[in-house]
Amino acid sequence: MDFTNPLVYGVPVFIAFILVELTYSKTHGDDHLYDWKDLAASGFMGIGSAILGPLFKVVFAIVLFKATYAFFNPEIDGVRQNLLGYESFGYAWYVWILCQLADDFTYYWFHRANHEIRILWAAHIVHHSSDNFNLGTAVRNGWFTILYKPLFYMWMPAIGFPPEMVVVCLGIEALWQFQLHSVYIPKLGFLEKFLNTHTMHQVHHAQNVEYLDKNHGGFLNIFDKVFGTWKELDDDIDVKYGVIHSPNSYNPVVILTHEFKDIWNDVKKVDKLSHKLMYIFGPPGWSHDGSTLTVKQQQKLFEEHREAHPELVYQRPN
């Protein structure tokens, strides 16, 4: 069966919603929400992703998924049989639900890996590099993630999900992720118990120490809760968006490549191979001499300082 990737329809919807939010913010006293140069940079990278995405998805996703599916699910007497001994999945409604859940699980680990492995962070930091949190930032995507993202999802066609079903579920996930980038949606009550919501995604985009590397989920927040990366938005904390080491530029080339340049500089300054590898594949912030700290190290120091000084109140200033 052939299906259309939902993102085909998503692009004009993205543009329309960005314009609506932009107009609303400018007419309701929220001029700070959008910065024109920042929006232009985000838009440029979004357009680049929209152009490069389909090209690489044909090569890396569709071809890769189909090859994986065919290898692990050979056709025997006209029926696809998985190598594990069961009939490959069809297109029943419950298979679609299972596929979307598998996609959500995979997205969590793909997203978390982008934050915890520096070479992947170099590609993903693009999305976090804006100091603004809005629907424009939602399309500020790095171009290099396209190259390796399908590798995380290969297990799905391998166990029997049809390749086109996997691609559709990836598209649905991307649509949900887009609309999360808004400060105008309040906490959603009961839905907060299981969904990854707008306020949770505000936490994810914050550079406040206690918020770093939290809420990696797609549709659901259950994987964050199970694996210890969930954090609720605290209304008393003044959220600061962006990254600690900002590119400080609106130049798309700088935004796309600055962290790769920093990795190269770190690799050149050490002689030990183990140190070089850690600067590439270790967590962001790792250093051989302690001159910079990982997120876990920063959060540990933050908690120790807060426990040592309980008289200090970490809250939103009046």
C-alpha atoms as a PDB file:
ATOM      1  CA  MET A   1       0.000   0.000   0.000  1.00  0.00           C
ATOM      2  CA  ASP A   2       1.099   3.569  -0.682  1.00  0.00           C
ATOM      3  CA  PHE A   3       0.537   6.413   1.756  1.00  0.00           C
ATOM      4  CA  THR A   4       1.291  10.125   1.609  1.00  0.00           C
ATOM      5  CA  ASN A   5       3.641  11.535   4.218  1.00  0.00           C
ATOM      6  CA  PRO A   6       1.560  13.929   6.372  1.00  0.00           C
ATOM      7  CA  LEU A   7       4.381  16.485   6.205  1.00  0.00           C
ATOM      8  CA  VAL A   8       3.425  17.139   2.581  1.00  0.00           C
ATOM      9  CA  TYR A   9       0.372  18.922   3.953  1.00  0.00           C
ATOM     10  CA  GLY A  10       2.186  20.166   7.033  1.00  0.00           C
ATOM     11  CA  VAL A  11       4.418  22.790   5.395  1.00  0.00           C
ATOM     12  CA  PRO A  12       1.643  25.241   4.393  1.00  0.00           C
ATOM     13  CA  VAL A  13      -0.005  24.654   7.774  1.00  0.00           C
ATOM     14  CA  PHE A  14       3.278  25.460   9.522  1.00  0.00           C
ATOM     15  CA  ILE A  15       3.593  28.744   7.639  1.00  0.00           C
ATOM     16  CA  ALA A  16      -0.017  29.680   8.355  1.00  0.00           C
ATOM     17  CA  PHE A  17       0.265  29.017  12.091  1.00  0.00           C
ATOM     18  CA  ILE A  18       3.568  30.889  12.348  1.00  0.00           C
ATOM     19  CA  LEU A  19       1.920  33.925  10.722  1.00  0.00           C
ATOM     20  CA  VAL A  20      -1.072  33.666  13.055  1.00  0.00           C
ATOM     21  CA  GLU A  21       1.114  33.453  16.165  1.00  0.00           C
ATOM     22  CA  LEU A  22       3.383  36.224  14.897  1.00  0.00           C
ATOM     23  CA  THR A  23       0.415  38.544  14.262  1.00  0.00           C
ATOM     24  CA  TYR A  24      -1.142  37.695  17.621  1.00  0.00           C
ATOM     25  CA  SER A  25       2.084  38.369  19.511  1.00  0.00           C
ATOM     26  CA  LYS A  26       2.659  41.716  17.802  1.00  0.00           C
ATOM     27  CA  THR A  27      -0.920  42.890  18.419  1.00  0.00           C
ATOM     28  CA  HIS A  28      -1.094  41.726  22.050  1.00  0.00           C
ATOM     29  CA  GLY A  29       1.996  43.299  23.527  1.00  0.00           C
ATOM     30  CA  ASP A  30       4.322  40.309  23.146  1.00  0.00           C
ATOM     31  CA  ASP A  31       6.825  41.964  20.819  1.00  0.00           C
ATOM     32  CA  HIS A  32       9.639  40.014  22.484  1.00  0.00           C
ATOM     33  CA  LEU A  33       8.246  36.668  21.314  1.00  0.00           C
ATOM     34  CA  TYR A  34       9.552  37.042  17.760  1.00  0.00           C
ATOM     35  CA  ASP A  35      12.781  38.634  16.596  1.00  0.00           C
ATOM     36  CA  TRP A  36      12.814  39.325  12.865  1.00  0.00           C
ATOM     37  CA  LYS A  37      16.436  38.315  12.262  1.00  0.00           C
ATOM     38  CA  ASP A  38      16.000  35.209  14.377  1.00  0.00           C
ATOM     39  CA  LEU A  39      12.816  34.304  12.505  1.00  0.00           C
ATOM     40  CA  ALA A  40      14.585  34.792   9.184  1.00  0.00           C
ATOM     41  CA  ALA A  41      17.389  32.444  10.266  1.00  0.00           C
ATOM     42  CA  SER A  42      14.884  29.859  11.472  1.00  0.00           C
ATOM     43  CA  GLY A  43      12.918  30.187   8.247  1.00  0.00           C
ATOM     44  CA  PHE A  44      16.017  29.706   6.105  1.00  0.00           C
ATOM     45  CA  MET A  45      16.909  26.520   7.947  1.00  0.00           C
ATOM     46  CA  GLY A  46      13.320  25.327   7.802  1.00  0.00           C
ATOM     47  CA  ILE A  47      13.234  25.830   4.037  1.00  0.00           C
ATOM     48  CA  GLY A  48      16.532  23.991   3.725  1.00  0.00           C
ATOM     49  CA  SER A  49      15.131  21.073   5.715  1.00  0.00           C
ATOM     50  CA  ALA A  50      12.004  21.049   3.563  1.00  0.00           C
ATOM     51  CA  ILE A  51      14.156  20.802   0.434  1.00  0.00           C
ATOM     52  CA  LEU A  52      16.803  18.388   1.693  1.00  0.00           C
ATOM     53  CA  GLY A  53      14.435  16.242   3.738  1.00  0.00           C
ATOM     54  CA  PRO A  54      12.519  14.617   0.873  1.00  0.00           C
ATOM     55  CA  LEU A  55      15.730  14.017  -1.091  1.00  0.00           C
ATOM     56  CA  PHE A  56      17.513  12.234   1.732  1.00  0.00           C
ATOM     57  CA  LYS A  57      14.375  10.475   2.948  1.00  0.00           C
ATOM     58  CA  VAL A  58      14.089   8.765  -0.424  1.00  0.00           C
ATOM     59  CA  VAL A  59      17.650   7.511  -0.147  1.00  0.00           C
ATOM     60  CA  PHE A  60      18.117   6.958   3.567  1.00  0.00           C
ATOM     61  CA  ALA A  61      14.634   6.321   4.868  1.00  0.00           C
ATOM     62  CA  ILE A  62      12.450   4.757   2.208  1.00  0.00           C
ATOM     63  CA  VAL A  63      15.201   2.752   0.498  1.00  0.00           C
ATOM     64  CA  LEU A  64      16.769   1.781   3.836  1.00  0.00           C
ATOM     65  CA  PHE A  65      13.441   0.845   5.412  1.00  0.00           C
ATOM     66  CA  LYS A  66      12.333  -1.161   2.381  1.00  0.00           C
ATOM     67  CA  ALA A  67      15.643  -3.016   2.205  1.00  0.00           C
ATOM     68  CA  THR A  68      15.496  -3.779   5.920  1.00  0.00           C
ATOM     69  CA  TYR A  69      11.872  -4.891   5.676  1.00  0.00           C
ATOM     70  CA  ALA A  70      12.582  -7.141   2.684  1.00  0.00           C
ATOM     71  CA  PHE A  71      15.600  -8.768   4.356  1.00  0.00           C
ATOM     72  CA  PHE A  72      13.960  -9.501   7.704  1.00  0.00           C
ATOM     73  CA  ASN A  73      10.517 -10.233   6.250  1.00  0.00           C
ATOM     74  CA  PRO A  74      11.003 -12.376   3.133  1.00  0.00           C
ATOM     75  CA  GLU A  75       7.982 -13.195   1.034  1.00  0.00           C
ATOM     76  CA  ILE A  76       7.087 -16.885   1.243  1.00  0.00           C
ATOM     77  CA  ASP A  77       4.188 -18.138  -0.889  1.00  0.00           C
ATOM     78  CA  GLY A  78       2.962 -14.581  -1.290  1.00  0.00           C
ATOM     79  CA  VAL A  79       3.024 -13.832   2.438  1.00  0.00           C
ATOM     80  CA  ARG A  80       5.627 -11.797   4.319  1.00  0.00           C
ATOM     81  CA  GLN A  81       7.126 -13.897   7.108  1.00  0.00           C
ATOM     82  CA  ASN A  82       9.410 -12.381   9.716  1.00  0.00           C
ATOM     83  CA  LEU A  83      12.652 -14.238  10.377  1.00  0.00           C
ATOM     84  CA  LEU A  84      11.540 -14.640  13.985  1.00  0.00           C
ATOM     85  CA  GLY A  85       8.783 -16.947  12.785  1.00  0.00           C
ATOM     86  CA  TYR A  86       5.590 -14.887  12.658  1.00  0.00           C
ATOM     87  CA  GLU A  87       3.656 -13.247   9.842  1.00  0.00           C
ATOM     88  CA  SER A  88       4.677  -9.641   9.263  1.00  0.00           C
ATOM     89  CA  PHE A  89       2.266  -6.939  10.370  1.00  0.00           C
ATOM     90  CA  GLY A  90      -0.520  -5.744   8.122  1.00  0.00           C
ATOM     91  CA  TYR A  91      -2.526  -2.534   8.131  1.00  0.00           C
ATOM     92  CA  ALA A  92      -5.158  -3.200  10.802  1.00  0.00           C
ATOM     93  CA  TRP A  93      -6.083  -0.209  12.946  1.00  0.00           C
ATOM     94  CA  TYR A  94      -4.403  -1.615  16.030  1.00  0.00           C
ATOM     95  CA  VAL A  95      -1.156  -2.130  14.091  1.00  0.00           C
ATOM     96  CA  TRP A  96      -1.182   1.587  13.304  1.00  0.00           C
ATOM     97  CA  ILE A  97      -1.487   2.335  17.026  1.00  0.00           C
ATOM     98  CA  LEU A  98       1.344  -0.059  17.845  1.00  0.00           C
ATOM     99  CA  CYS A  99       3.484   1.496  15.124  1.00  0.00           C
ATOM    100  CA  GLN A 100       2.876   4.995  16.468  1.00  0.00           C
ATOM    101  CA  LEU A 101       3.791   3.828  19.985  1.00  0.00           C
ATOM    102  CA  ALA A 102       6.961   2.209  18.630  1.00  0.00           C
ATOM    103  CA  ASP A 103       7.726   5.442  16.808  1.00  0.00           C
ATOM    104  CA  ASP A 104       7.220   7.429  20.009  1.00  0.00           C
ATOM    105  CA  PHE A 105       9.552   5.116  21.938  1.00  0.00           C
ATOM    106  CA  THR A 106      12.172   5.418  19.208  1.00  0.00           C
ATOM    107  CA  TYR A 107      11.775   9.184  19.028  1.00  0.00           C
ATOM    108  CA  TYR A 108      12.472   9.441  22.756  1.00  0.00           C
ATOM    109  CA  TRP A 109      15.807   7.626  22.451  1.00  0.00           C
ATOM    110  CA  PHE A 110      16.731   9.376  19.211  1.00  0.00           C
ATOM    111  CA  HIS A 111      16.005  12.742  20.814  1.00  0.00           C
ATOM    112  CA  ARG A 112      17.775  11.869  24.053  1.00  0.00           C
ATOM    113  CA  ALA A 113      20.839  10.655  22.149  1.00  0.00           C
ATOM    114  CA  ASN A 114      20.947  14.005  20.374  1.00  0.00           C
ATOM    115  CA  HIS A 115      21.363  15.657  23.764  1.00  0.00           C
ATOM    116  CA  GLU A 116      23.793  13.193  25.318  1.00  0.00           C
ATOM    117  CA  ILE A 117      26.239  12.429  22.477  1.00  0.00           C
ATOM    118  CA  ARG A 118      28.196  15.486  21.467  1.00  0.00           C
ATOM    119  CA  ILE A 119      28.573  14.785  17.743  1.00  0.00           C
ATOM    120  CA  LEU A 120      24.795  14.353  17.547  1.00  0.00           C
ATOM    121  CA  TRP A 121      24.270  17.417  19.728  1.00  0.00           C
ATOM    122  CA  ALA A 122      26.330  19.370  17.189  1.00  0.00           C
ATOM    123  CA  ALA A 123      23.616  18.604  14.639  1.00  0.00           C
ATOM    124  CA  HIS A 124      20.671  19.043  17.014  1.00  0.00           C
ATOM    125  CA  ILE A 125      21.854  22.207  18.788  1.00  0.00           C
ATOM    126  CA  VAL A 126      20.602  24.145  15.770  1.00  0.00           C
ATOM    127  CA  HIS A 127      17.035  23.589  16.944  1.00  0.00           C
ATOM    128  CA  HIS A 128      17.848  24.894  20.426  1.00  0.00           C
ATOM    129  CA  SER A 129      20.046  27.812  19.406  1.00  0.00           C
ATOM    130  CA  SER A 130      17.296  30.439  19.336  1.00  0.00           C
ATOM    131  CA  ASP A 131      16.668  32.523  22.450  1.00  0.00           C
ATOM    132  CA  ASN A 132      12.999  32.602  21.471  1.00  0.00           C
ATOM    133  CA  PHE A 133      10.382  29.906  21.956  1.00  0.00           C
ATOM    134  CA  ASN A 134       7.750  30.113  19.253  1.00  0.00           C
ATOM    135  CA  LEU A 135       6.401  28.287  16.215  1.00  0.00           C
ATOM    136  CA  GLY A 136       9.184  29.817  14.127  1.00  0.00           C
ATOM    137  CA  THR A 137      11.706  28.004  16.299  1.00  0.00           C
ATOM    138  CA  ALA A 138       9.831  24.770  15.570  1.00  0.00           C
ATOM    139  CA  VAL A 139      11.066  24.810  11.960  1.00  0.00           C
ATOM    140  CA  ARG A 140      14.645  25.724  12.956  1.00  0.00           C
ATOM    141  CA  ASN A 141      15.974  22.256  12.264  1.00  0.00           C
ATOM    142  CA  GLY A 142      19.532  21.115  11.662  1.00  0.00           C
ATOM    143  CA  TRP A 143      20.211  19.638   8.263  1.00  0.00           C
ATOM    144  CA  PHE A 144      22.641  16.951   9.423  1.00  0.00           C
ATOM    145  CA  THR A 145      20.143  15.044  11.575  1.00  0.00           C
ATOM    146  CA  ILE A 146      18.494  13.897   8.350  1.00  0.00           C
ATOM    147  CA  LEU A 147      21.545  11.738   7.651  1.00  0.00           C
ATOM    148  CA  TYR A 148      21.357   9.547  10.741  1.00  0.00           C
ATOM    149  CA  LYS A 149      17.798   9.738  12.062  1.00  0.00           C
ATOM    150  CA  PRO A 150      16.522   6.796   9.939  1.00  0.00           C
ATOM    151  CA  LEU A 151      19.162   4.537  11.519  1.00  0.00           C
ATOM    152  CA  PHE A 152      17.332   4.759  14.855  1.00  0.00           C
ATOM    153  CA  TYR A 153      14.102   3.536  13.230  1.00  0.00           C
ATOM    154  CA  MET A 154      15.438   0.558  11.245  1.00  0.00           C
ATOM    155  CA  TRP A 155      14.308  -1.879  13.928  1.00  0.00           C
ATOM    156  CA  MET A 156      10.670  -1.097  13.161  1.00  0.00           C
ATOM    157  CA  PRO A 157      10.552  -2.452   9.581  1.00  0.00           C
ATOM    158  CA  ALA A 158      12.935  -5.191  10.755  1.00  0.00           C
ATOM    159  CA  ILE A 159      10.307  -6.592  13.150  1.00  0.00           C
ATOM    160  CA  GLY A 160       7.535  -6.352  10.563  1.00  0.00           C
ATOM    161  CA  PHE A 161       6.028  -2.856  10.354  1.00  0.00           C
ATOM    162  CA  PRO A 162       5.547  -1.899   6.677  1.00  0.00           C
ATOM    163  CA  PRO A 163       8.044   0.809   5.631  1.00  0.00           C
ATOM    164  CA  GLU A 164       5.369   3.215   4.412  1.00  0.00           C
ATOM    165  CA  MET A 165       3.568   2.897   7.752  1.00  0.00           C
ATOM    166  CA  VAL A 166       6.764   3.835   9.589  1.00  0.00           C
ATOM    167  CA  VAL A 167       7.241   6.889   7.352  1.00  0.00           C
ATOM    168  CA  VAL A 168       3.659   8.053   7.963  1.00  0.00           C
ATOM    169  CA  CYS A 169       4.057   7.668  11.734  1.00  0.00           C
ATOM    170  CA  LEU A 170       7.278   9.688  11.575  1.00  0.00           C
ATOM    171  CA  GLY A 171       5.349  12.424   9.780  1.00  0.00           C
ATOM    172  CA  ILE A 172       2.558  12.422  12.372  1.00  0.00           C
ATOM    173  CA  GLU A 173       5.170  12.720  15.132  1.00  0.00           C
ATOM    174  CA  ALA A 174       6.730  15.717  13.376  1.00  0.00           C
ATOM    175  CA  LEU A 175       3.338  17.463  13.140  1.00  0.00           C
ATOM    176  CA  TRP A 176       2.806  17.041  16.886  1.00  0.00           C
ATOM    177  CA  GLN A 177       6.286  18.315  17.641  1.00  0.00           C
ATOM    178  CA  PHE A 178       5.704  21.473  15.602  1.00  0.00           C
ATOM    179  CA  GLN A 179       2.666  22.654  17.513  1.00  0.00           C
ATOM    180  CA  LEU A 180       4.352  22.124  20.901  1.00  0.00           C
ATOM    181  CA  HIS A 181       6.465  25.245  20.363  1.00  0.00           C
ATOM    182  CA  SER A 182       4.023  27.798  21.732  1.00  0.00           C
ATOM    183  CA  VAL A 183       3.821  29.696  25.010  1.00  0.00           C
ATOM    184  CA  TYR A 184       0.147  30.483  24.465  1.00  0.00           C
ATOM    185  CA  ILE A 185      -1.132  27.030  25.404  1.00  0.00           C
ATOM    186  CA  PRO A 186      -1.502  26.619  29.199  1.00  0.00           C
ATOM    187  CA  LYS A 187      -1.194  23.397  31.177  1.00  0.00           C
ATOM    188  CA  LEU A 188      -3.790  20.916  29.950  1.00  0.00           C
ATOM    189  CA  GLY A 189      -5.015  19.398  33.183  1.00  0.00           C
ATOM    190  CA  PHE A 190      -5.612  15.654  33.015  1.00  0.00           C
ATOM    191  CA  LEU A 191      -3.806  15.380  29.659  1.00  0.00           C
ATOM    192  CA  GLU A 192      -0.579  16.413  31.381  1.00  0.00           C
ATOM    193  CA  LYS A 193      -0.500  13.008  33.059  1.00  0.00           C
ATOM    194  CA  PHE A 194       0.403  11.177  29.843  1.00  0.00           C
ATOM    195  CA  LEU A 195       0.950  13.648  26.991  1.00  0.00           C
ATOM    196  CA  ASN A 196       4.068  15.641  26.212  1.00  0.00           C
ATOM    197  CA  THR A 197       2.569  19.116  26.264  1.00  0.00           C
ATOM    198  CA  HIS A 198       3.506  22.694  25.395  1.00  0.00           C
ATOM    199  CA  THR A 199       4.612  23.592  28.920  1.00  0.00           C
ATOM    200  CA  MET A 200       6.748  20.441  29.107  1.00  0.00           C
ATOM    201  CA  HIS A 201       8.389  21.425  25.839  1.00  0.00           C
ATOM    202  CA  GLN A 202       9.110  24.876  27.246  1.00  0.00           C
ATOM    203  CA  VAL A 203      11.147  23.046  29.884  1.00  0.00           C
ATOM    204  CA  HIS A 204      12.964  21.151  27.144  1.00  0.00           C
ATOM    205  CA  HIS A 205      14.001  24.363  25.384  1.00  0.00           C
ATOM    206  CA  ALA A 206      15.119  26.139  28.553  1.00  0.00           C
ATOM    207  CA  GLN A 207      18.749  26.657  29.464  1.00  0.00           C
ATOM    208  CA  ASN A 208      18.017  26.861  33.193  1.00  0.00           C
ATOM    209  CA  VAL A 209      20.297  24.318  34.855  1.00  0.00           C
ATOM    210  CA  GLU A 210      17.481  22.363  36.487  1.00  0.00           C
ATOM    211  CA  TYR A 211      15.690  22.077  33.133  1.00  0.00           C
ATOM    212  CA  LEU A 212      18.607  20.898  30.980  1.00  0.00           C
ATOM    213  CA  ASP A 213      18.146  17.591  29.113  1.00  0.00           C
ATOM    214  CA  LYS A 214      14.559  17.088  30.270  1.00  0.00           C
ATOM    215  CA  ASN A 215      11.370  16.064  28.436  1.00  0.00           C
ATOM    216  CA  HIS A 216      12.655  14.330  25.304  1.00  0.00           C
ATOM    217  CA  GLY A 217       9.319  12.698  24.530  1.00  0.00           C
ATOM    218  CA  GLY A 218       7.233  12.935  21.379  1.00  0.00           C
ATOM    219  CA  PHE A 219       3.505  12.406  21.948  1.00  0.00           C
ATOM    220  CA  LEU A 220       3.817  10.847  25.380  1.00  0.00           C
ATOM    221  CA  ASN A 221       5.716  11.750  28.527  1.00  0.00           C
ATOM    222  CA  ILE A 222       5.741   8.197  29.907  1.00  0.00           C
ATOM    223  CA  PHE A 223       9.219   7.403  28.607  1.00  0.00           C
ATOM    224  CA  ASP A 224      10.626  10.514  30.277  1.00  0.00           C
ATOM    225  CA  LYS A 225       8.976   9.467  33.516  1.00  0.00           C
ATOM    226  CA  VAL A 226      10.176   5.860  33.285  1.00  0.00           C
ATOM    227  CA  PHE A 227      13.744   6.752  32.328  1.00  0.00           C
ATOM    228  CA  GLY A 228      14.186   9.710  34.672  1.00  0.00           C
ATOM    229  CA  THR A 229      14.196  12.702  32.320  1.00  0.00           C
ATOM    230  CA  TRP A 230      10.780  14.217  33.053  1.00  0.00           C
ATOM    231  CA  LYS A 231      10.405  17.676  34.575  1.00  0.00           C
ATOM    232  CA  GLU A 232       7.260  19.720  35.079  1.00  0.00           C
ATOM    233  CA  LEU A 233       7.271  23.440  34.315  1.00  0.00           C
ATOM    234  CA  ASP A 234       7.552  25.451  37.530  1.00  0.00           C
ATOM    235  CA  ASP A 235       5.601  28.692  37.202  1.00  0.00           C
ATOM    236  CA  ASP A 236       7.885  30.319  39.785  1.00  0.00           C
ATOM    237  CA  ILE A 237      11.016  29.864  37.682  1.00  0.00           C
ATOM    238  CA  ASP A 238      11.952  32.513  35.157  1.00  0.00           C
ATOM    239  CA  VAL A 239      12.551  30.461  32.025  1.00  0.00           C
ATOM    240  CA  LYS A 240      15.463  31.417  29.798  1.00  0.00           C
ATOM    241  CA  TYR A 241      15.360  29.792  26.374  1.00  0.00           C
ATOM    242  CA  GLY A 242      18.238  28.813  24.129  1.00  0.00           C
ATOM    243  CA  VAL A 243      21.602  27.215  24.834  1.00  0.00           C
ATOM    244  CA  ILE A 244      24.330  28.117  27.306  1.00  0.00           C
ATOM    245  CA  HIS A 245      26.971  28.389  24.588  1.00  0.00           C
ATOM    246  CA  SER A 246      25.058  30.289  21.935  1.00  0.00           C
ATOM    247  CA  PRO A 247      26.422  30.803  18.397  1.00  0.00           C
ATOM    248  CA  ASN A 248      25.620  34.530  18.817  1.00  0.00           C
ATOM    249  CA  SER A 249      24.887  34.835  15.130  1.00  0.00           C
ATOM    250  CA  TYR A 250      21.978  34.981  12.734  1.00  0.00           C
ATOM    251  CA  ASN A 251      24.136  33.545   9.950  1.00  0.00           C
ATOM    252  CA  PRO A 252      22.628  30.142   9.057  1.00  0.00           C
ATOM    253  CA  VAL A 253      26.046  28.688   8.201  1.00  0.00           C
ATOM    254  CA  VAL A 254      27.387  29.635  11.640  1.00  0.00           C
ATOM    255  CA  ILE A 255      24.272  28.282  13.349  1.00  0.00           C
ATOM    256  CA  LEU A 256      24.497  24.993  11.462  1.00  0.00           C
ATOM    257  CA  THR A 257      28.227  24.405  12.001  1.00  0.00           C
ATOM    258  CA  HIS A 258      29.455  26.226  15.143  1.00  0.00           C
ATOM    259  CA  GLU A 259      29.374  23.199  17.433  1.00  0.00           C
ATOM    260  CA  PHE A 260      31.205  21.035  14.900  1.00  0.00           C
ATOM    261  CA  LYS A 261      33.895  23.718  14.837  1.00  0.00           C
ATOM    262  CA  ASP A 262      34.087  23.655  18.635  1.00  0.00           C
ATOM    263  CA  ILE A 263      34.446  19.864  18.601  1.00  0.00           C
ATOM    264  CA  TRP A 264      37.303  20.126  16.130  1.00  0.00           C
ATOM    265  CA  ASN A 265      39.060  22.706  18.288  1.00  0.00           C
ATOM    266  CA  ASP A 266      38.682  20.493  21.376  1.00  0.00           C
ATOM    267  CA  VAL A 267      39.972  17.418  19.537  1.00  0.00           C
ATOM    268  CA  LYS A 268      43.070  19.309  18.355  1.00  0.00           C
ATOM    269  CA  LYS A 269      44.063  20.475  21.829  1.00  0.00           C
ATOM    270  CA  VAL A 270      44.510  16.989  23.336  1.00  0.00           C
ATOM    271  CA  ASP A 271      46.942  14.192  22.470  1.00  0.00           C
ATOM    272  CA  LYS A 272      45.318  11.120  24.050  1.00  0.00           C
ATOM    273  CA  LEU A 273      43.044   9.189  21.700  1.00  0.00           C
ATOM    274  CA  SER A 274      40.580   8.482  24.522  1.00  0.00           C
ATOM    275  CA  HIS A 275      40.220  12.217  25.142  1.00  0.00           C
ATOM    276  CA  LYS A 276      39.707  12.904  21.455  1.00  0.00           C
ATOM    277  CA  LEU A 277      36.981  10.277  21.292  1.00  0.00           C
ATOM    278  CA  MET A 278      35.274  11.665  24.387  1.00  0.00           C
ATOM    279  CA  TYR A 279      35.192  15.140  22.866  1.00  0.00           C
ATOM    280  CA  ILE A 280      33.407  13.612  19.872  1.00  0.00           C
ATOM    281  CA  PHE A 281      31.204  10.917  21.371  1.00  0.00           C
ATOM    282  CA  GLY A 282      31.064  11.856  25.052  1.00  0.00           C
ATOM    283  CA  PRO A 283      28.361  14.043  26.576  1.00  0.00           C
ATOM    284  CA  PRO A 284      28.358  17.751  25.685  1.00  0.00           C
ATOM    285  CA  GLY A 285      30.390  19.729  28.194  1.00  0.00           C
ATOM    286  CA  TRP A 286      32.793  16.896  28.987  1.00  0.00           C
ATOM    287  CA  SER A 287      36.398  18.046  29.333  1.00  0.00           C
ATOM    288  CA  HIS A 288      39.598  16.219  30.128  1.00  0.00           C
ATOM    289  CA  ASP A 289      40.641  18.889  32.653  1.00  0.00           C
ATOM    290  CA  GLY A 290      37.318  19.842  34.206  1.00  0.00           C
ATOM    291  CA  SER A 291      37.309  23.259  32.541  1.00  0.00           C
ATOM    292  CA  THR A 292      33.775  22.621  31.294  1.00  0.00           C
ATOM    293  CA  LEU A 293      31.048  20.488  32.837  1.00  0.00           C
ATOM    294  CA  THR A 294      28.453  18.068  31.555  1.00  0.00           C
ATOM    295  CA  VAL A 295      24.767  18.636  32.277  1.00  0.00           C
ATOM    296  CA  LYS A 296      24.788  16.024  35.030  1.00  0.00           C
ATOM    297  CA  GLN A 297      27.802  17.679  36.660  1.00  0.00           C
ATOM    298  CA  GLN A 298      26.159  21.104  36.452  1.00  0.00           C
ATOM    299  CA  GLN A 299      22.929  19.813  37.943  1.00  0.00           C
ATOM    300  CA  LYS A 300      24.776  18.057  40.757  1.00  0.00           C
ATOM    301  CA  LEU A 301      26.583  21.284  41.692  1.00  0.00           C
ATOM    302  CA  PHE A 302      23.309  23.204  41.414  1.00  0.00           C
ATOM    303  CA  GLU A 303      21.546  20.847  43.826  1.00  0.00           C
ATOM    304  CA  GLU A 304      24.480  20.870  46.245  1.00  0.00           C
ATOM    305  CA  HIS A 305      24.472  24.669  46.265  1.00  0.00           C
ATOM    306  CA  ARG A 306      20.720  24.823  46.792  1.00  0.00           C
ATOM    307  CA  GLU A 307      20.917  22.350  49.689  1.00  0.00           C
ATOM    308  CA  ALA A 308      23.795  24.281  51.244  1.00  0.00           C
ATOM    309  CA  HIS A 309      21.904  27.560  50.942  1.00  0.00           C
ATOM    310  CA  PRO A 310      18.218  26.833  51.585  1.00  0.00           C
ATOM    311  CA  GLU A 311      17.666  30.498  52.365  1.00  0.00           C
ATOM    312  CA  LEU A 312      18.042  31.295  48.652  1.00  0.00           C
ATOM    313  CA  VAL A 313      14.815  31.272  46.656  1.00  0.00           C
ATOM    314  CA  TYR A 314      15.016  30.278  42.988  1.00  0.00           C
ATOM    315  CA  GLN A 315      11.982  31.934  41.536  1.00  0.00           C
ATOM    316  CA  ARG A 316      10.705  34.321  38.924  1.00  0.00           C
ATOM    317  CA  PRO A 317      11.710  37.906  39.741  1.00  0.00           C
ATOM    318  CA  ASN A 318       8.926  40.408  40.277  1.00  0.00           C
END
